[in-house]
Amino acid sequence: MRFPIRWRTSWRSLAKSALDGFWG
């Protein structure tokens, strides 16, 4: 898997935001 670091960080940020919103 060759994804730009930005994409990885973005994906992680989005996932974190989604989880925070879901659990929050």
N, C-alpha and C. Protein backbone atom coordinates (compact mmCIF):
# COMPACT_ATOMS: atom_id res chain seq x y z
N MET A 1 0.86 -1.21 0.00
CA MET A 1 0.00 0.00 0.00
C MET A 1 0.89 1.24 0.00
N ARG A 2 0.83 1.98 -1.07
CA ARG A 2 1.65 3.20 -1.14
C ARG A 2 0.74 4.42 -1.10
N PHE A 3 0.41 4.85 0.09
CA PHE A 3 -0.43 6.03 0.24
C PHE A 3 0.38 7.16 0.84
N PRO A 4 0.16 8.38 0.37
CA PRO A 4 0.86 9.53 0.94
C PRO A 4 0.58 9.62 2.43
N ILE A 5 1.59 10.06 3.18
CA ILE A 5 1.43 10.20 4.63
C ILE A 5 0.23 11.08 4.93
N ARG A 6 0.04 12.11 4.12
CA ARG A 6 -1.09 13.03 4.36
C ARG A 6 -2.39 12.26 4.36
N TRP A 7 -2.52 11.32 3.43
CA TRP A 7 -3.76 10.55 3.34
C TRP A 7 -3.94 9.72 4.60
N ARG A 8 -2.84 9.14 5.05
CA ARG A 8 -2.92 8.32 6.27
C ARG A 8 -3.34 9.16 7.46
N THR A 9 -2.68 10.31 7.62
CA THR A 9 -3.00 11.17 8.76
C THR A 9 -4.43 11.68 8.62
N SER A 10 -4.82 11.99 7.39
CA SER A 10 -6.18 12.49 7.17
C SER A 10 -7.18 11.40 7.55
N TRP A 11 -6.90 10.17 7.09
CA TRP A 11 -7.79 9.05 7.37
C TRP A 11 -7.89 8.84 8.88
N ARG A 12 -6.75 8.89 9.54
CA ARG A 12 -6.76 8.70 10.99
C ARG A 12 -7.52 9.83 11.68
N SER A 13 -7.31 11.05 11.20
CA SER A 13 -7.99 12.21 11.80
C SER A 13 -9.49 12.07 11.60
N LEU A 14 -9.89 11.68 10.39
CA LEU A 14 -11.32 11.53 10.10
C LEU A 14 -11.91 10.43 10.96
N ALA A 15 -11.20 9.32 11.07
CA ALA A 15 -11.68 8.21 11.88
C ALA A 15 -11.82 8.64 13.33
N LYS A 16 -10.80 9.35 13.83
CA LYS A 16 -10.83 9.82 15.22
C LYS A 16 -12.01 10.76 15.43
N SER A 17 -12.21 11.67 14.49
CA SER A 17 -13.31 12.62 14.60
C SER A 17 -14.64 11.88 14.60
N ALA A 18 -14.76 10.91 13.71
CA ALA A 18 -16.01 10.15 13.61
C ALA A 18 -16.25 9.39 14.91
N LEU A 19 -15.21 8.75 15.43
CA LEU A 19 -15.36 7.99 16.67
C LEU A 19 -15.69 8.93 17.82
N ASP A 20 -14.99 10.05 17.89
CA ASP A 20 -15.24 11.03 18.96
C ASP A 20 -16.69 11.50 18.89
N GLY A 21 -17.16 11.80 17.68
CA GLY A 21 -18.54 12.27 17.52
C GLY A 21 -19.53 11.17 17.87
N PHE A 22 -19.19 9.94 17.50
CA PHE A 22 -20.08 8.81 17.76
C PHE A 22 -20.17 8.52 19.25
N TRP A 23 -19.00 8.45 19.89
CA TRP A 23 -18.97 8.12 21.31
C TRP A 23 -19.26 9.36 22.17
N GLY A 24 -18.81 10.53 21.66
CA GLY A 24 -18.94 11.76 22.43
C GLY A 24 -20.36 12.00 22.88
